Amino acid sequence: MMTGFERYTKKTRRAIFLDEMEQVVPWAKLCALIDPHYPKPGNGRRPKELEQMLRIYFLQQWFNLADPGVEEALYDSATLRQFVGIDLGAEPVPDETTVCKFRHLLEEHNLGEEILGTVNLHLQAKGVRITTGTIVDATLIHAPSSTKNREQSRDPEMHKAKKGKNWYFGMKAHVGVDSKTKIIHTAVATAAHVSDVAMLPDLLHGGETRVWGDGAYQGQTEVIRECAPRARDFTQRRCRY
């Protein structure tokens, strides 16, 4: 039974990580990159605050959350809401459609790579450097498959893909993550049907000595060596951190 007067608390790894990101990510610089392309308040529905949407975008990358997943996670976690700056007493969490539109905005103007580049340069200036280990991963991001919309059609950039026994419609986010800092140094968005291994070369920066990944990357030792000659293939092994 919850009394509302909890005596015992512990700061979780997620909360500690978010505290660190609060301090090191150059939020003002990133917002300045996006602002020229971000919709301004007008006669229609007022857009969500830019920095809120940017923080939600980073949560998706850091915690592997699709659009519906990040909406649900924000309602479920006070820690995530605090990081984004959402007070449920004053406003709801942005719905999955709003999150999806923001992601499309970044893709349309090729801002994803520029954002990551800005973050990495800022981290290096602070003395935080990308190490020589990379974790590669890919996640499916769902998109509405219904044609009951104004255009009466599906998004042409989205495709179907099968994972296990289930079919999904949408896109796929491929990421290369620094094994020590857990900071994303590379991100590539494709349609959902593009295989994980096809994007592997794009996720490596070339200076790795180790590469981790799940079973989807099994058998790619030669590709890894071609892209990062000093790297050992640790795919299907768990990265300890």
Protein backbone atom coordinates (compact mmCIF):
# COMPACT_ATOMS: atom_id res chain seq x y z
CA MET A 1 0.00 0.00 0.00
CA MET A 2 1.37 3.42 -0.98
CA THR A 3 1.06 5.98 1.80
CA GLY A 4 2.47 8.96 -0.09
CA PHE A 5 5.18 9.42 2.57
CA GLU A 6 7.98 7.19 1.30
CA ARG A 7 10.83 6.90 3.81
CA TYR A 8 13.22 4.97 1.60
CA THR A 9 14.48 6.22 -1.73
CA LYS A 10 17.43 5.44 -3.94
CA LYS A 11 18.71 7.32 -6.96
CA THR A 12 18.53 4.94 -9.89
CA ARG A 13 21.14 4.54 -12.62
CA ARG A 14 18.69 6.12 -15.04
CA ALA A 15 18.26 9.18 -12.82
CA ILE A 16 22.03 9.53 -12.40
CA PHE A 17 22.52 9.26 -16.16
CA LEU A 18 19.88 11.92 -16.84
CA ASP A 19 21.46 14.24 -14.28
CA GLU A 20 24.76 13.91 -16.15
CA MET A 21 23.10 14.56 -19.53
CA GLU A 22 21.32 17.59 -18.07
CA GLN A 23 24.73 19.09 -17.41
CA VAL A 24 26.70 18.07 -20.51
CA VAL A 25 24.24 18.35 -23.42
CA PRO A 26 24.29 21.87 -24.93
CA TRP A 27 20.52 22.33 -25.00
CA ALA A 28 20.59 25.99 -26.05
CA LYS A 29 22.88 25.29 -29.04
CA LEU A 30 20.73 22.39 -30.20
CA CYS A 31 17.51 24.40 -29.92
CA ALA A 32 19.14 27.16 -31.97
CA LEU A 33 19.83 24.61 -34.74
CA ILE A 34 16.21 23.49 -34.86
CA ASP A 35 14.42 26.79 -34.20
CA PRO A 36 14.47 28.13 -37.80
CA HIS A 37 12.55 25.03 -38.90
CA TYR A 38 10.26 24.69 -35.90
CA PRO A 39 6.59 25.78 -36.31
CA LYS A 40 5.75 29.07 -34.64
CA PRO A 41 2.52 29.76 -32.75
CA GLY A 42 -0.22 30.94 -35.06
CA ASN A 43 -3.92 30.50 -35.55
CA GLY A 44 -3.77 26.73 -35.16
CA ARG A 45 -2.78 24.45 -32.30
CA ARG A 46 0.14 25.86 -30.30
CA PRO A 47 3.26 23.71 -30.80
CA LYS A 48 4.89 22.09 -27.80
CA GLU A 49 7.95 23.81 -26.42
CA LEU A 50 10.96 23.08 -28.61
CA GLU A 51 13.30 22.02 -25.81
CA GLN A 52 10.69 19.64 -24.41
CA MET A 53 10.40 17.90 -27.77
CA LEU A 54 14.18 17.76 -28.15
CA ARG A 55 14.56 16.16 -24.73
CA ILE A 56 11.89 13.59 -25.62
CA TYR A 57 13.80 12.85 -28.84
CA PHE A 58 16.95 12.16 -26.81
CA LEU A 59 15.03 9.92 -24.39
CA GLN A 60 13.93 7.86 -27.38
CA GLN A 61 17.52 7.43 -28.51
CA TRP A 62 18.96 6.72 -25.07
CA PHE A 63 16.30 4.27 -23.90
CA ASN A 64 15.25 2.71 -27.20
CA LEU A 65 11.67 4.00 -27.09
CA ALA A 66 9.26 4.17 -30.02
CA ASP A 67 6.76 7.02 -30.27
CA PRO A 68 3.95 5.26 -28.32
CA GLY A 69 6.53 3.89 -25.88
CA VAL A 70 8.00 7.25 -24.93
CA GLU A 71 4.51 8.72 -24.39
CA GLU A 72 3.65 5.86 -22.03
CA ALA A 73 7.03 6.05 -20.28
CA LEU A 74 6.58 9.75 -19.58
CA TYR A 75 3.20 9.14 -17.95
CA ASP A 76 4.71 6.29 -15.96
CA SER A 77 7.98 7.88 -14.76
CA ALA A 78 8.31 11.03 -12.68
CA THR A 79 12.07 10.96 -13.36
CA LEU A 80 11.55 11.19 -17.12
CA ARG A 81 8.92 13.93 -16.73
CA GLN A 82 11.26 15.96 -14.55
CA PHE A 83 14.01 15.66 -17.17
CA VAL A 84 11.68 16.81 -19.97
CA GLY A 85 10.03 19.50 -17.84
CA ILE A 86 6.44 18.25 -17.86
CA ASP A 87 4.06 18.96 -14.99
CA LEU A 88 0.97 16.77 -15.31
CA GLY A 89 -0.91 19.22 -13.13
CA ALA A 90 -0.58 21.81 -15.89
CA GLU A 91 -0.25 19.92 -19.18
CA PRO A 92 -0.44 16.44 -20.71
CA VAL A 93 2.45 14.51 -22.16
CA PRO A 94 2.87 15.14 -25.94
CA ASP A 95 1.05 12.33 -27.72
CA GLU A 96 2.76 9.89 -30.07
CA THR A 97 1.61 11.81 -33.17
CA THR A 98 3.29 15.00 -31.92
CA VAL A 99 6.47 13.04 -31.15
CA CYS A 100 6.38 11.48 -34.62
CA LYS A 101 5.98 14.86 -36.32
CA PHE A 102 8.96 16.28 -34.46
CA ARG A 103 11.11 13.33 -35.51
CA HIS A 104 10.00 13.82 -39.13
CA LEU A 105 10.93 17.51 -38.86
CA LEU A 106 14.49 16.59 -37.88
CA GLU A 107 14.70 14.04 -40.69
CA GLU A 108 13.28 16.41 -43.29
CA HIS A 109 15.96 19.02 -42.60
CA ASN A 110 18.79 16.52 -41.98
CA LEU A 111 19.23 17.79 -38.44
CA GLY A 112 19.89 14.45 -36.74
CA GLU A 113 23.56 14.17 -37.70
CA GLU A 114 24.14 17.86 -37.04
CA ILE A 115 22.67 17.50 -33.56
CA LEU A 116 24.88 14.52 -32.76
CA GLY A 117 27.94 16.32 -34.13
CA THR A 118 27.24 19.36 -31.98
CA VAL A 119 26.82 17.19 -28.87
CA ASN A 120 30.06 15.27 -29.52
CA LEU A 121 32.09 18.45 -30.10
CA HIS A 122 30.69 19.93 -26.90
CA LEU A 123 31.51 16.78 -24.94
CA GLN A 124 35.06 16.76 -26.27
CA ALA A 125 35.46 20.40 -25.20
CA LYS A 126 34.34 19.32 -21.71
CA GLY A 127 36.90 16.52 -21.67
CA VAL A 128 34.41 13.72 -22.37
CA ARG A 129 35.81 11.72 -25.28
CA ILE A 130 34.36 8.95 -27.38
CA THR A 131 36.20 5.74 -26.48
CA THR A 132 37.22 2.87 -28.74
CA GLY A 133 34.21 0.63 -28.14
CA THR A 134 30.92 0.83 -30.04
CA ILE A 135 27.61 -0.88 -29.34
CA VAL A 136 25.50 -1.22 -32.50
CA ASP A 137 21.75 -1.60 -32.33
CA ALA A 138 18.56 -1.03 -34.29
CA THR A 139 15.00 -0.47 -33.17
CA LEU A 140 11.68 -0.40 -35.00
CA ILE A 141 9.65 2.79 -34.71
CA HIS A 142 5.97 2.29 -35.40
CA ALA A 143 3.98 4.48 -37.79
CA PRO A 144 0.21 4.52 -38.39
CA SER A 145 -0.63 1.92 -41.04
CA SER A 146 -4.18 3.14 -41.59
CA THR A 147 -5.14 4.99 -44.79
CA LYS A 148 -7.99 6.78 -42.99
CA ASN A 149 -6.35 10.18 -43.10
CA ARG A 150 -6.47 13.36 -45.17
CA GLU A 151 -4.16 11.95 -47.86
CA GLN A 152 -5.92 8.55 -47.76
CA SER A 153 -2.56 6.83 -48.02
CA ARG A 154 0.28 5.47 -45.92
CA ASP A 155 3.53 7.34 -45.51
CA PRO A 156 5.55 6.27 -48.60
CA GLU A 157 8.81 6.32 -46.61
CA MET A 158 7.51 3.66 -44.22
CA HIS A 159 7.54 -0.07 -44.89
CA LYS A 160 6.56 -3.39 -43.35
CA ALA A 161 9.07 -5.58 -41.55
CA LYS A 162 8.83 -8.90 -39.73
CA LYS A 163 10.40 -9.37 -36.31
CA GLY A 164 9.98 -12.82 -34.88
CA LYS A 165 6.45 -13.86 -35.71
CA ASN A 166 5.04 -10.33 -35.82
CA TRP A 167 4.81 -7.77 -38.62
CA TYR A 168 5.46 -4.07 -38.04
CA PHE A 169 4.93 -0.97 -40.15
CA GLY A 170 7.16 2.04 -39.83
CA MET A 171 10.83 2.92 -39.83
CA LYS A 172 14.01 1.75 -38.16
CA ALA A 173 16.58 3.70 -36.16
CA HIS A 174 20.15 2.34 -36.38
CA VAL A 175 22.57 3.66 -33.75
CA GLY A 176 26.21 3.43 -32.81
CA VAL A 177 26.69 4.02 -29.07
CA ASP A 178 29.93 4.69 -27.23
CA SER A 179 30.45 1.68 -24.95
CA LYS A 180 31.74 3.74 -22.02
CA THR A 181 29.75 6.96 -21.98
CA LYS A 182 26.59 5.46 -23.58
CA ILE A 183 26.43 8.53 -25.81
CA ILE A 184 25.12 8.00 -29.34
CA HIS A 185 27.83 9.01 -31.80
CA THR A 186 26.02 7.87 -34.97
CA ALA A 187 22.35 7.53 -35.89
CA VAL A 188 20.79 6.57 -39.21
CA ALA A 189 17.07 6.34 -39.98
CA THR A 190 15.76 3.97 -42.66
CA ALA A 191 12.54 2.28 -43.64
CA ALA A 192 11.69 -0.67 -41.40
CA HIS A 193 12.54 -3.33 -43.99
CA VAL A 194 16.23 -2.32 -44.26
CA SER A 195 18.32 -4.99 -42.51
CA ASP A 196 20.43 -4.23 -39.46
CA VAL A 197 23.62 -5.55 -41.05
CA ALA A 198 23.19 -3.38 -44.15
CA MET A 199 23.70 -0.28 -42.01
CA LEU A 200 26.55 -1.66 -39.87
CA PRO A 201 29.35 0.14 -41.80
CA ASP A 202 27.58 3.47 -41.26
CA LEU A 203 27.50 2.99 -37.47
CA LEU A 204 31.25 2.61 -36.93
CA HIS A 205 33.63 5.58 -36.70
CA GLY A 206 36.67 3.47 -37.64
CA GLY A 207 38.68 3.85 -34.46
CA GLU A 208 37.04 1.04 -32.51
CA THR A 209 38.96 -1.77 -30.87
CA ARG A 210 35.73 -3.56 -29.87
CA VAL A 211 32.26 -3.79 -31.39
CA TRP A 212 29.25 -5.19 -29.51
CA GLY A 213 25.87 -6.12 -30.94
CA ASP A 214 23.07 -8.65 -30.71
CA GLY A 215 22.48 -11.71 -32.88
CA ALA A 216 21.34 -9.61 -35.83
CA TYR A 217 25.00 -8.71 -36.45
CA GLN A 218 26.38 -12.23 -36.17
CA GLY A 219 28.79 -13.25 -38.92
CA GLN A 220 29.86 -9.69 -39.79
CA THR A 221 33.46 -9.99 -38.56
CA GLU A 222 34.94 -9.17 -41.96
CA VAL A 223 32.69 -6.13 -42.40
CA ILE A 224 33.71 -4.88 -38.95
CA ARG A 225 37.41 -5.35 -39.73
CA GLU A 226 37.04 -3.55 -43.05
CA CYS A 227 35.40 -0.54 -41.40
CA ALA A 228 37.45 -0.61 -38.18
CA PRO A 229 40.70 -2.54 -38.81
CA ARG A 230 41.67 -2.73 -35.12
CA ALA A 231 38.27 -3.87 -33.88
CA ARG A 232 37.49 -7.25 -32.36
CA ASP A 233 34.03 -8.67 -33.02
CA PHE A 234 32.13 -9.00 -29.74
CA THR A 235 28.67 -9.27 -31.31
CA GLN A 236 26.33 -11.57 -29.38
CA ARG A 237 28.36 -10.85 -26.23
CA ARG A 238 27.09 -8.62 -23.46
CA CYS A 239 28.91 -5.31 -23.04
CA ARG A 240 29.81 -4.88 -19.36
CA TYR A 241 29.32 -1.35 -18.04
